[in-house]
Amino acid sequence: MIELVDPRGPAPERSGSLARRRGSPDALRRIGFLSNEPEHMTGPHFPGYTRVLEAALRERLGIDEFHLEVKPVLSRPAEAAMIERFSGFDGVINGLAK
């Protein structure tokens, strides 16, 4: 028998609750994606993953508006103007594919 052991020890038990939700997923209509880096020709990339998420969210929840912004430099925060373009969206998914 093989036993997998985490070198960090046992995972701590969660004592808190999940973040408060904003209501029904049926009310979602506008979702933004903020990618921390541009697309790459090979390998994983978040902008490509957002296209998969967009298709799933459109099909499952009927979301009809998406917006993607890509930060020009991974290690720098998004500029205020970029963040402002997400104003009025129901949610923003931020990520990086590595």
C-alpha atoms as a PDB file:
ATOM      1  CA  MET A   1       0.000   0.000   0.000  1.00  0.00           C
ATOM      2  CA  ILE A   2       1.224   3.505  -0.823  1.00  0.00           C
ATOM      3  CA  GLU A   3       0.595   6.297   1.655  1.00  0.00           C
ATOM      4  CA  LEU A   4       0.859   9.937   0.588  1.00  0.00           C
ATOM      5  CA  VAL A   5       2.269  12.182   3.308  1.00  0.00           C
ATOM      6  CA  ASP A   6       2.237  15.967   3.244  1.00  0.00           C
ATOM      7  CA  PRO A   7       5.589  17.253   4.599  1.00  0.00           C
ATOM      8  CA  ARG A   8       3.768  20.294   6.034  1.00  0.00           C
ATOM      9  CA  GLY A   9       1.792  18.094   8.407  1.00  0.00           C
ATOM     10  CA  PRO A  10      -1.959  17.708   8.720  1.00  0.00           C
ATOM     11  CA  ALA A  11      -4.123  20.436   7.242  1.00  0.00           C
ATOM     12  CA  PRO A  12      -5.620  22.759   9.868  1.00  0.00           C
ATOM     13  CA  GLU A  13      -9.351  22.503  10.386  1.00  0.00           C
ATOM     14  CA  ARG A  14     -11.370  25.415   9.038  1.00  0.00           C
ATOM     15  CA  SER A  15     -13.189  27.258  11.749  1.00  0.00           C
ATOM     16  CA  GLY A  16     -14.601  30.158   9.753  1.00  0.00           C
ATOM     17  CA  SER A  17     -17.374  30.338   7.234  1.00  0.00           C
ATOM     18  CA  LEU A  18     -17.265  31.144   3.551  1.00  0.00           C
ATOM     19  CA  ALA A  19     -17.458  34.743   2.383  1.00  0.00           C
ATOM     20  CA  ARG A  20     -20.955  36.197   2.160  1.00  0.00           C
ATOM     21  CA  ARG A  21     -22.416  35.713  -1.315  1.00  0.00           C
ATOM     22  CA  ARG A  22     -23.983  38.575  -3.269  1.00  0.00           C
ATOM     23  CA  GLY A  23     -27.221  36.788  -4.030  1.00  0.00           C
ATOM     24  CA  SER A  24     -28.397  34.410  -6.683  1.00  0.00           C
ATOM     25  CA  PRO A  25     -26.047  33.366  -9.514  1.00  0.00           C
ATOM     26  CA  ASP A  26     -29.049  33.939 -11.776  1.00  0.00           C
ATOM     27  CA  ALA A  27     -28.568  37.688 -11.297  1.00  0.00           C
ATOM     28  CA  LEU A  28     -25.031  37.653 -12.745  1.00  0.00           C
ATOM     29  CA  ARG A  29     -24.825  39.316 -16.154  1.00  0.00           C
ATOM     30  CA  ARG A  30     -21.377  40.947 -16.430  1.00  0.00           C
ATOM     31  CA  ILE A  31     -18.123  39.172 -15.551  1.00  0.00           C
ATOM     32  CA  GLY A  32     -14.617  40.527 -16.028  1.00  0.00           C
ATOM     33  CA  PHE A  33     -11.308  38.724 -16.302  1.00  0.00           C
ATOM     34  CA  LEU A  34      -8.037  40.323 -15.246  1.00  0.00           C
ATOM     35  CA  SER A  35      -5.034  38.368 -16.483  1.00  0.00           C
ATOM     36  CA  ASN A  36      -1.733  38.959 -14.733  1.00  0.00           C
ATOM     37  CA  GLU A  37       0.280  38.258 -17.889  1.00  0.00           C
ATOM     38  CA  PRO A  38      -0.094  38.220 -21.687  1.00  0.00           C
ATOM     39  CA  GLU A  39      -0.803  35.039 -23.658  1.00  0.00           C
ATOM     40  CA  HIS A  40       2.062  32.735 -24.554  1.00  0.00           C
ATOM     41  CA  MET A  41       2.359  30.824 -27.811  1.00  0.00           C
ATOM     42  CA  THR A  42       2.983  27.592 -25.892  1.00  0.00           C
ATOM     43  CA  GLY A  43       2.114  26.359 -22.450  1.00  0.00           C
ATOM     44  CA  PRO A  44      -0.663  27.414 -20.109  1.00  0.00           C
ATOM     45  CA  HIS A  45      -2.023  30.917 -20.294  1.00  0.00           C
ATOM     46  CA  PHE A  46      -4.828  32.567 -18.369  1.00  0.00           C
ATOM     47  CA  PRO A  47      -6.367  34.459 -21.323  1.00  0.00           C
ATOM     48  CA  GLY A  48      -6.923  31.093 -23.032  1.00  0.00           C
ATOM     49  CA  TYR A  49      -8.418  29.675 -19.859  1.00  0.00           C
ATOM     50  CA  THR A  50     -10.803  32.638 -19.665  1.00  0.00           C
ATOM     51  CA  ARG A  51     -12.290  31.598 -23.019  1.00  0.00           C
ATOM     52  CA  VAL A  52     -13.124  28.196 -21.501  1.00  0.00           C
ATOM     53  CA  LEU A  53     -14.594  29.867 -18.401  1.00  0.00           C
ATOM     54  CA  GLU A  54     -16.585  32.271 -20.563  1.00  0.00           C
ATOM     55  CA  ALA A  55     -18.166  29.415 -22.519  1.00  0.00           C
ATOM     56  CA  ALA A  56     -19.047  27.537 -19.310  1.00  0.00           C
ATOM     57  CA  LEU A  57     -20.478  30.628 -17.589  1.00  0.00           C
ATOM     58  CA  ARG A  58     -22.477  31.558 -20.687  1.00  0.00           C
ATOM     59  CA  GLU A  59     -23.915  28.031 -20.961  1.00  0.00           C
ATOM     60  CA  ARG A  60     -24.543  27.322 -17.273  1.00  0.00           C
ATOM     61  CA  LEU A  61     -25.562  30.734 -15.933  1.00  0.00           C
ATOM     62  CA  GLY A  62     -26.627  32.617 -19.058  1.00  0.00           C
ATOM     63  CA  ILE A  63     -24.083  35.376 -18.474  1.00  0.00           C
ATOM     64  CA  ASP A  64     -24.044  37.557 -21.544  1.00  0.00           C
ATOM     65  CA  GLU A  65     -21.239  40.096 -21.095  1.00  0.00           C
ATOM     66  CA  PHE A  66     -17.539  39.473 -20.524  1.00  0.00           C
ATOM     67  CA  HIS A  67     -14.535  41.762 -20.508  1.00  0.00           C
ATOM     68  CA  LEU A  68     -10.831  40.819 -20.472  1.00  0.00           C
ATOM     69  CA  GLU A  69      -7.958  43.057 -19.437  1.00  0.00           C
ATOM     70  CA  VAL A  70      -4.327  41.907 -19.484  1.00  0.00           C
ATOM     71  CA  LYS A  71      -1.698  43.524 -17.307  1.00  0.00           C
ATOM     72  CA  PRO A  72       1.386  44.391 -19.375  1.00  0.00           C
ATOM     73  CA  VAL A  73       3.836  43.415 -16.604  1.00  0.00           C
ATOM     74  CA  LEU A  74       3.240  40.483 -14.258  1.00  0.00           C
ATOM     75  CA  SER A  75       5.020  41.958 -11.233  1.00  0.00           C
ATOM     76  CA  ARG A  76       3.271  45.352 -11.284  1.00  0.00           C
ATOM     77  CA  PRO A  77      -0.214  46.077  -9.946  1.00  0.00           C
ATOM     78  CA  ALA A  78      -2.981  46.842 -12.405  1.00  0.00           C
ATOM     79  CA  GLU A  79      -3.265  50.553 -13.129  1.00  0.00           C
ATOM     80  CA  ALA A  80      -6.267  52.463 -11.790  1.00  0.00           C
ATOM     81  CA  ALA A  81      -7.659  53.047 -15.306  1.00  0.00           C
ATOM     82  CA  MET A  82      -7.594  49.303 -15.979  1.00  0.00           C
ATOM     83  CA  ILE A  83      -9.401  48.532 -12.737  1.00  0.00           C
ATOM     84  CA  GLU A  84     -11.944  51.292 -13.430  1.00  0.00           C
ATOM     85  CA  ARG A  85     -12.980  49.520 -16.647  1.00  0.00           C
ATOM     86  CA  PHE A  86     -14.422  46.761 -14.429  1.00  0.00           C
ATOM     87  CA  SER A  87     -16.723  49.213 -12.658  1.00  0.00           C
ATOM     88  CA  GLY A  88     -20.298  47.970 -12.722  1.00  0.00           C
ATOM     89  CA  PHE A  89     -19.369  44.331 -13.314  1.00  0.00           C
ATOM     90  CA  ASP A  90     -20.940  41.679 -11.098  1.00  0.00           C
ATOM     91  CA  GLY A  91     -17.597  39.974 -10.523  1.00  0.00           C
ATOM     92  CA  VAL A  92     -13.994  39.869 -11.677  1.00  0.00           C
ATOM     93  CA  ILE A  93     -11.854  36.742 -11.930  1.00  0.00           C
ATOM     94  CA  ASN A  94      -8.145  37.472 -11.598  1.00  0.00           C
ATOM     95  CA  GLY A  95      -5.518  34.919 -12.441  1.00  0.00           C
ATOM     96  CA  LEU A  96      -2.361  33.606 -13.950  1.00  0.00           C
ATOM     97  CA  ALA A  97      -1.759  30.187 -15.481  1.00  0.00           C
ATOM     98  CA  LYS A  98       1.433  28.517 -14.368  1.00  0.00           C
END
